[in-house]
Amino acid sequence: MGETGRSTEIDVKLLELLACPLTKGPLVWDAKRGELVSRLARLAYPVRDGIPVMLPSEARPVEPKPKPKAGARRAR
């Protein structure tokens, strides 16, 4: 089943009301991918035709961002 259209924005008030169905934690809007991301569950829930699909079976796994190594210097 493919996505029929991605929403480019999500209502901020709606985002404040929504929570991850597994962790009950906050969600972050990823405008680039059109998804709601639960960092705690490491899942991204799709938004189809402006409607968040909050089913764990529809979510895709998200890899955590790598943390910088201790002692690593930033390029200037």
PDB file of N, CA and C in Angstrom:
ATOM      1  N   MET A   1       0.849  -1.175   0.000  1.00  0.00           N
ATOM      2  CA  MET A   1       0.000   0.000   0.000  1.00  0.00           C
ATOM      3  C   MET A   1       0.894   1.237   0.000  1.00  0.00           C
ATOM      4  N   GLY A   2       0.840   2.072  -1.015  1.00  0.00           N
ATOM      5  CA  GLY A   2       1.695   3.237  -1.119  1.00  0.00           C
ATOM      6  C   GLY A   2       1.044   4.476  -0.566  1.00  0.00           C
ATOM      7  N   GLU A   3       1.879   5.463  -0.326  1.00  0.00           N
ATOM      8  CA  GLU A   3       1.369   6.724   0.163  1.00  0.00           C
ATOM      9  C   GLU A   3       0.798   7.496  -1.021  1.00  0.00           C
ATOM     10  N   THR A   4      -0.386   8.052  -0.834  1.00  0.00           N
ATOM     11  CA  THR A   4      -1.036   8.772  -1.918  1.00  0.00           C
ATOM     12  C   THR A   4      -0.678  10.243  -1.922  1.00  0.00           C
ATOM     13  N   GLY A   5      -0.067  10.737  -0.867  1.00  0.00           N
ATOM     14  CA  GLY A   5       0.340  12.125  -0.815  1.00  0.00           C
ATOM     15  C   GLY A   5       0.920  12.439   0.535  1.00  0.00           C
ATOM     16  N   ARG A   6       1.956  13.231   0.540  1.00  0.00           N
ATOM     17  CA  ARG A   6       2.588  13.592   1.796  1.00  0.00           C
ATOM     18  C   ARG A   6       2.207  15.012   2.164  1.00  0.00           C
ATOM     19  N   SER A   7       1.939  15.191   3.415  1.00  0.00           N
ATOM     20  CA  SER A   7       1.666  16.515   3.926  1.00  0.00           C
ATOM     21  C   SER A   7       2.997  17.225   4.120  1.00  0.00           C
ATOM     22  N   THR A   8       3.080  18.497   3.736  1.00  0.00           N
ATOM     23  CA  THR A   8       4.323  19.219   3.903  1.00  0.00           C
ATOM     24  C   THR A   8       4.392  19.887   5.264  1.00  0.00           C
ATOM     25  N   GLU A   9       3.283  20.029   5.940  1.00  0.00           N
ATOM     26  CA  GLU A   9       3.259  20.633   7.263  1.00  0.00           C
ATOM     27  C   GLU A   9       2.225  19.913   8.106  1.00  0.00           C
ATOM     28  N   ILE A  10       2.380  20.046   9.422  1.00  0.00           N
ATOM     29  CA  ILE A  10       1.402  19.488  10.336  1.00  0.00           C
ATOM     30  C   ILE A  10       1.038  20.581  11.338  1.00  0.00           C
ATOM     31  N   ASP A  11      -0.196  20.618  11.722  1.00  0.00           N
ATOM     32  CA  ASP A  11      -0.685  21.626  12.659  1.00  0.00           C
ATOM     33  C   ASP A  11       0.031  21.465  13.995  1.00  0.00           C
ATOM     34  N   VAL A  12       0.588  22.556  14.499  1.00  0.00           N
ATOM     35  CA  VAL A  12       1.336  22.529  15.754  1.00  0.00           C
ATOM     36  C   VAL A  12       0.437  22.081  16.906  1.00  0.00           C
ATOM     37  N   LYS A  13      -0.811  22.505  16.905  1.00  0.00           N
ATOM     38  CA  LYS A  13      -1.742  22.112  17.974  1.00  0.00           C
ATOM     39  C   LYS A  13      -1.995  20.605  17.947  1.00  0.00           C
ATOM     40  N   LEU A  14      -2.086  20.039  16.748  1.00  0.00           N
ATOM     41  CA  LEU A  14      -2.267  18.596  16.618  1.00  0.00           C
ATOM     42  C   LEU A  14      -1.028  17.866  17.129  1.00  0.00           C
ATOM     43  N   LEU A  15       0.137  18.366  16.795  1.00  0.00           N
ATOM     44  CA  LEU A  15       1.384  17.750  17.233  1.00  0.00           C
ATOM     45  C   LEU A  15       1.483  17.730  18.754  1.00  0.00           C
ATOM     46  N   GLU A  16       0.993  18.778  19.409  1.00  0.00           N
ATOM     47  CA  GLU A  16       1.012  18.839  20.872  1.00  0.00           C
ATOM     48  C   GLU A  16       0.096  17.792  21.499  1.00  0.00           C
ATOM     49  N   LEU A  17      -0.969  17.424  20.799  1.00  0.00           N
ATOM     50  CA  LEU A  17      -1.935  16.456  21.330  1.00  0.00           C
ATOM     51  C   LEU A  17      -1.526  15.005  21.087  1.00  0.00           C
ATOM     52  N   LEU A  18      -0.779  14.768  20.027  1.00  0.00           N
ATOM     53  CA  LEU A  18      -0.414  13.400  19.662  1.00  0.00           C
ATOM     54  C   LEU A  18       0.745  12.876  20.510  1.00  0.00           C
ATOM     55  N   ALA A  19       0.720  11.571  20.746  1.00  0.00           N
ATOM     56  CA  ALA A  19       1.798  10.899  21.464  1.00  0.00           C
ATOM     57  C   ALA A  19       2.033   9.548  20.814  1.00  0.00           C
ATOM     58  N   CYS A  20       3.210   9.023  21.006  1.00  0.00           N
ATOM     59  CA  CYS A  20       3.528   7.696  20.483  1.00  0.00           C
ATOM     60  C   CYS A  20       2.615   6.674  21.166  1.00  0.00           C
ATOM     61  N   PRO A  21       1.958   5.821  20.401  1.00  0.00           N
ATOM     62  CA  PRO A  21       1.051   4.842  21.010  1.00  0.00           C
ATOM     63  C   PRO A  21       1.773   3.781  21.850  1.00  0.00           C
ATOM     64  N   LEU A  22       3.062   3.599  21.644  1.00  0.00           N
ATOM     65  CA  LEU A  22       3.812   2.602  22.418  1.00  0.00           C
ATOM     66  C   LEU A  22       4.409   3.180  23.694  1.00  0.00           C
ATOM     67  N   THR A  23       5.065   4.332  23.578  1.00  0.00           N
ATOM     68  CA  THR A  23       5.764   4.910  24.726  1.00  0.00           C
ATOM     69  C   THR A  23       4.967   6.007  25.423  1.00  0.00           C
ATOM     70  N   LYS A  24       3.942   6.500  24.768  1.00  0.00           N
ATOM     71  CA  LYS A  24       3.162   7.646  25.247  1.00  0.00           C
ATOM     72  C   LYS A  24       4.013   8.914  25.313  1.00  0.00           C
ATOM     73  N   GLY A  25       5.178   8.875  24.666  1.00  0.00           N
ATOM     74  CA  GLY A  25       6.094  10.005  24.648  1.00  0.00           C
ATOM     75  C   GLY A  25       5.808  10.960  23.506  1.00  0.00           C
ATOM     76  N   PRO A  26       6.533  12.070  23.461  1.00  0.00           N
ATOM     77  CA  PRO A  26       6.324  13.092  22.433  1.00  0.00           C
ATOM     78  C   PRO A  26       6.756  12.627  21.051  1.00  0.00           C
ATOM     79  N   LEU A  27       6.210  13.300  20.054  1.00  0.00           N
ATOM     80  CA  LEU A  27       6.559  13.041  18.656  1.00  0.00           C
ATOM     81  C   LEU A  27       7.193  14.296  18.072  1.00  0.00           C
ATOM     82  N   VAL A  28       8.082  14.099  17.110  1.00  0.00           N
ATOM     83  CA  VAL A  28       8.754  15.204  16.425  1.00  0.00           C
ATOM     84  C   VAL A  28       8.384  15.124  14.954  1.00  0.00           C
ATOM     85  N   TRP A  29       8.040  16.261  14.365  1.00  0.00           N
ATOM     86  CA  TRP A  29       7.668  16.314  12.951  1.00  0.00           C
ATOM     87  C   TRP A  29       8.915  16.347  12.087  1.00  0.00           C
ATOM     88  N   ASP A  30       9.026  15.417  11.156  1.00  0.00           N
ATOM     89  CA  ASP A  30      10.102  15.386  10.165  1.00  0.00           C
ATOM     90  C   ASP A  30       9.485  15.809   8.834  1.00  0.00           C
ATOM     91  N   ALA A  31       9.620  17.092   8.518  1.00  0.00           N
ATOM     92  CA  ALA A  31       8.996  17.644   7.312  1.00  0.00           C
ATOM     93  C   ALA A  31       9.609  17.060   6.040  1.00  0.00           C
ATOM     94  N   LYS A  32      10.891  16.737   6.081  1.00  0.00           N
ATOM     95  CA  LYS A  32      11.566  16.205   4.897  1.00  0.00           C
ATOM     96  C   LYS A  32      10.944  14.878   4.450  1.00  0.00           C
ATOM     97  N   ARG A  33      10.617  14.017   5.412  1.00  0.00           N
ATOM     98  CA  ARG A  33      10.051  12.710   5.101  1.00  0.00           C
ATOM     99  C   ARG A  33       8.539  12.650   5.278  1.00  0.00           C
ATOM    100  N   GLY A  34       7.941  13.689   5.865  1.00  0.00           N
ATOM    101  CA  GLY A  34       6.495  13.687   6.080  1.00  0.00           C
ATOM    102  C   GLY A  34       6.083  12.652   7.113  1.00  0.00           C
ATOM    103  N   GLU A  35       6.840  12.589   8.222  1.00  0.00           N
ATOM    104  CA  GLU A  35       6.593  11.584   9.253  1.00  0.00           C
ATOM    105  C   GLU A  35       6.606  12.209  10.642  1.00  0.00           C
ATOM    106  N   LEU A  36       5.963  11.514  11.570  1.00  0.00           N
ATOM    107  CA  LEU A  36       6.045  11.852  12.979  1.00  0.00           C
ATOM    108  C   LEU A  36       6.984  10.837  13.619  1.00  0.00           C
ATOM    109  N   VAL A  37       8.011  11.329  14.290  1.00  0.00           N
ATOM    110  CA  VAL A  37       9.055  10.457  14.812  1.00  0.00           C
ATOM    111  C   VAL A  37       8.977  10.385  16.334  1.00  0.00           C
ATOM    112  N   SER A  38       8.982   9.164  16.833  1.00  0.00           N
ATOM    113  CA  SER A  38       9.094   8.910  18.267  1.00  0.00           C
ATOM    114  C   SER A  38      10.539   8.512  18.523  1.00  0.00           C
ATOM    115  N   ARG A  39      11.288   9.406  19.161  1.00  0.00           N
ATOM    116  CA  ARG A  39      12.699   9.116  19.434  1.00  0.00           C
ATOM    117  C   ARG A  39      12.838   8.006  20.475  1.00  0.00           C
ATOM    118  N   LEU A  40      11.905   7.956  21.432  1.00  0.00           N
ATOM    119  CA  LEU A  40      11.968   6.917  22.462  1.00  0.00           C
ATOM    120  C   LEU A  40      11.748   5.526  21.884  1.00  0.00           C
ATOM    121  N   ALA A  41      10.771   5.396  21.008  1.00  0.00           N
ATOM    122  CA  ALA A  41      10.462   4.097  20.402  1.00  0.00           C
ATOM    123  C   ALA A  41      11.320   3.815  19.170  1.00  0.00           C
ATOM    124  N   ARG A  42      12.005   4.858  18.679  1.00  0.00           N
ATOM    125  CA  ARG A  42      12.788   4.759  17.448  1.00  0.00           C
ATOM    126  C   ARG A  42      11.926   4.298  16.276  1.00  0.00           C
ATOM    127  N   LEU A  43      10.744   4.935  16.182  1.00  0.00           N
ATOM    128  CA  LEU A  43       9.801   4.638  15.103  1.00  0.00           C
ATOM    129  C   LEU A  43       9.360   5.933  14.440  1.00  0.00           C
ATOM    130  N   ALA A  44       9.071   5.846  13.146  1.00  0.00           N
ATOM    131  CA  ALA A  44       8.543   6.986  12.398  1.00  0.00           C
ATOM    132  C   ALA A  44       7.173   6.601  11.845  1.00  0.00           C
ATOM    133  N   TYR A  45       6.166   7.367  12.229  1.00  0.00           N
ATOM    134  CA  TYR A  45       4.791   7.116  11.799  1.00  0.00           C
ATOM    135  C   TYR A  45       4.485   7.966  10.566  1.00  0.00           C
ATOM    136  N   PRO A  46       3.940   7.371   9.512  1.00  0.00           N
ATOM    137  CA  PRO A  46       3.650   8.137   8.293  1.00  0.00           C
ATOM    138  C   PRO A  46       2.446   9.062   8.473  1.00  0.00           C
ATOM    139  N   VAL A  47       2.429  10.104   7.656  1.00  0.00           N
ATOM    140  CA  VAL A  47       1.273  10.999   7.573  1.00  0.00           C
ATOM    141  C   VAL A  47       0.798  10.912   6.141  1.00  0.00           C
ATOM    142  N   ARG A  48      -0.406  10.398   5.958  1.00  0.00           N
ATOM    143  CA  ARG A  48      -0.972  10.209   4.618  1.00  0.00           C
ATOM    144  C   ARG A  48      -2.173  11.113   4.429  1.00  0.00           C
ATOM    145  N   ASP A  49      -2.129  11.894   3.380  1.00  0.00           N
ATOM    146  CA  ASP A  49      -3.195  12.846   3.078  1.00  0.00           C
ATOM    147  C   ASP A  49      -3.506  13.733   4.283  1.00  0.00           C
ATOM    148  N   GLY A  50      -2.445  14.110   5.024  1.00  0.00           N
ATOM    149  CA  GLY A  50      -2.593  14.985   6.181  1.00  0.00           C
ATOM    150  C   GLY A  50      -3.069  14.288   7.442  1.00  0.00           C
ATOM    151  N   ILE A  51      -3.218  12.967   7.397  1.00  0.00           N
ATOM    152  CA  ILE A  51      -3.723  12.214   8.553  1.00  0.00           C
ATOM    153  C   ILE A  51      -2.601  11.336   9.104  1.00  0.00           C
ATOM    154  N   PRO A  52      -2.223  11.540  10.379  1.00  0.00           N
ATOM    155  CA  PRO A  52      -1.196  10.687  10.979  1.00  0.00           C
ATOM    156  C   PRO A  52      -1.701   9.247  11.129  1.00  0.00           C
ATOM    157  N   VAL A  53      -0.892   8.301  10.690  1.00  0.00           N
ATOM    158  CA  VAL A  53      -1.219   6.879  10.817  1.00  0.00           C
ATOM    159  C   VAL A  53      -0.442   6.375  12.038  1.00  0.00           C
ATOM    160  N   MET A  54      -1.129   6.312  13.179  1.00  0.00           N
ATOM    161  CA  MET A  54      -0.478   6.021  14.452  1.00  0.00           C
ATOM    162  C   MET A  54      -0.543   4.535  14.812  1.00  0.00           C
ATOM    163  N   LEU A  55      -0.296   3.692  13.848  1.00  0.00           N
ATOM    164  CA  LEU A  55      -0.292   2.254  14.062  1.00  0.00           C
ATOM    165  C   LEU A  55       1.152   1.755  14.062  1.00  0.00           C
ATOM    166  N   PRO A  56       1.582   1.084  15.132  1.00  0.00           N
ATOM    167  CA  PRO A  56       2.952   0.571  15.151  1.00  0.00           C
ATOM    168  C   PRO A  56       3.266  -0.336  13.956  1.00  0.00           C
ATOM    169  N   SER A  57       2.268  -1.042  13.454  1.00  0.00           N
ATOM    170  CA  SER A  57       2.492  -1.914  12.300  1.00  0.00           C
ATOM    171  C   SER A  57       2.775  -1.123  11.020  1.00  0.00           C
ATOM    172  N   GLU A  58       2.404   0.142  10.979  1.00  0.00           N
ATOM    173  CA  GLU A  58       2.643   0.998   9.811  1.00  0.00           C
ATOM    174  C   GLU A  58       3.912   1.833   9.957  1.00  0.00           C
ATOM    175  N   ALA A  59       4.490   1.866  11.160  1.00  0.00           N
ATOM    176  CA  ALA A  59       5.677   2.682  11.420  1.00  0.00           C
ATOM    177  C   ALA A  59       6.919   1.992  10.882  1.00  0.00           C
ATOM    178  N   ARG A  60       7.916   2.810  10.564  1.00  0.00           N
ATOM    179  CA  ARG A  60       9.189   2.247  10.126  1.00  0.00           C
ATOM    180  C   ARG A  60      10.230   2.504  11.212  1.00  0.00           C
ATOM    181  N   PRO A  61      11.166   1.584  11.368  1.00  0.00           N
ATOM    182  CA  PRO A  61      12.223   1.773  12.370  1.00  0.00           C
ATOM    183  C   PRO A  61      13.134   2.934  11.990  1.00  0.00           C
ATOM    184  N   VAL A  62      13.600   3.646  12.990  1.00  0.00           N
ATOM    185  CA  VAL A  62      14.506   4.772  12.787  1.00  0.00           C
ATOM    186  C   VAL A  62      15.788   4.474  13.544  1.00  0.00           C
ATOM    187  N   GLU A  63      16.895   4.634  12.860  1.00  0.00           N
ATOM    188  CA  GLU A  63      18.193   4.439  13.505  1.00  0.00           C
ATOM    189  C   GLU A  63      18.525   5.685  14.321  1.00  0.00           C
ATOM    190  N   PRO A  64      19.052   5.501  15.525  1.00  0.00           N
ATOM    191  CA  PRO A  64      19.446   6.676  16.311  1.00  0.00           C
ATOM    192  C   PRO A  64      20.620   7.382  15.658  1.00  0.00           C
ATOM    193  N   LYS A  65      20.697   8.687  15.857  1.00  0.00           N
ATOM    194  CA  LYS A  65      21.813   9.447  15.300  1.00  0.00           C
ATOM    195  C   LYS A  65      23.081   9.064  16.045  1.00  0.00           C
ATOM    196  N   PRO A  66      24.177   8.855  15.316  1.00  0.00           N
ATOM    197  CA  PRO A  66      25.419   8.488  15.993  1.00  0.00           C
ATOM    198  C   PRO A  66      25.917   9.630  16.874  1.00  0.00           C
ATOM    199  N   LYS A  67      26.405   9.274  18.052  1.00  0.00           N
ATOM    200  CA  LYS A  67      26.945  10.277  18.966  1.00  0.00           C
ATOM    201  C   LYS A  67      28.416  10.480  18.639  1.00  0.00           C
ATOM    202  N   PRO A  68      28.887  11.722  18.784  1.00  0.00           N
ATOM    203  CA  PRO A  68      30.315  11.963  18.516  1.00  0.00           C
ATOM    204  C   PRO A  68      31.173  11.190  19.513  1.00  0.00           C
ATOM    205  N   LYS A  69      32.293  10.691  19.031  1.00  0.00           N
ATOM    206  CA  LYS A  69      33.204   9.930  19.888  1.00  0.00           C
ATOM    207  C   LYS A  69      33.865  10.865  20.901  1.00  0.00           C
ATOM    208  N   ALA A  70      34.097  10.351  22.084  1.00  0.00           N
ATOM    209  CA  ALA A  70      34.766  11.139  23.120  1.00  0.00           C
ATOM    210  C   ALA A  70      36.161  11.512  22.647  1.00  0.00           C
ATOM    211  N   GLY A  71      36.526  12.755  22.852  1.00  0.00           N
ATOM    212  CA  GLY A  71      37.846  13.205  22.466  1.00  0.00           C
ATOM    213  C   GLY A  71      37.949  13.618  21.003  1.00  0.00           C
ATOM    214  N   ALA A  72      36.880  13.446  20.237  1.00  0.00           N
ATOM    215  CA  ALA A  72      36.913  13.848  18.826  1.00  0.00           C
ATOM    216  C   ALA A  72      36.806  15.366  18.740  1.00  0.00           C
ATOM    217  N   ARG A  73      37.585  15.934  17.846  1.00  0.00           N
ATOM    218  CA  ARG A  73      37.567  17.376  17.664  1.00  0.00           C
ATOM    219  C   ARG A  73      36.740  17.735  16.450  1.00  0.00           C
ATOM    220  N   ARG A  74      36.090  18.874  16.559  1.00  0.00           N
ATOM    221  CA  ARG A  74      35.313  19.379  15.428  1.00  0.00           C
ATOM    222  C   ARG A  74      36.230  20.130  14.469  1.00  0.00           C
ATOM    223  N   ALA A  75      35.947  20.027  13.197  1.00  0.00           N
ATOM    224  CA  ALA A  75      36.699  20.782  12.195  1.00  0.00           C
ATOM    225  C   ALA A  75      36.303  22.236  12.281  1.00  0.00           C
ATOM    226  N   ARG A  76      37.286  23.111  12.148  1.00  0.00           N
ATOM    227  CA  ARG A  76      36.998  24.554  12.239  1.00  0.00           C
ATOM    228  C   ARG A  76      37.032  25.198  10.888  1.00  0.00           C
TER     229      ARG A  76
END
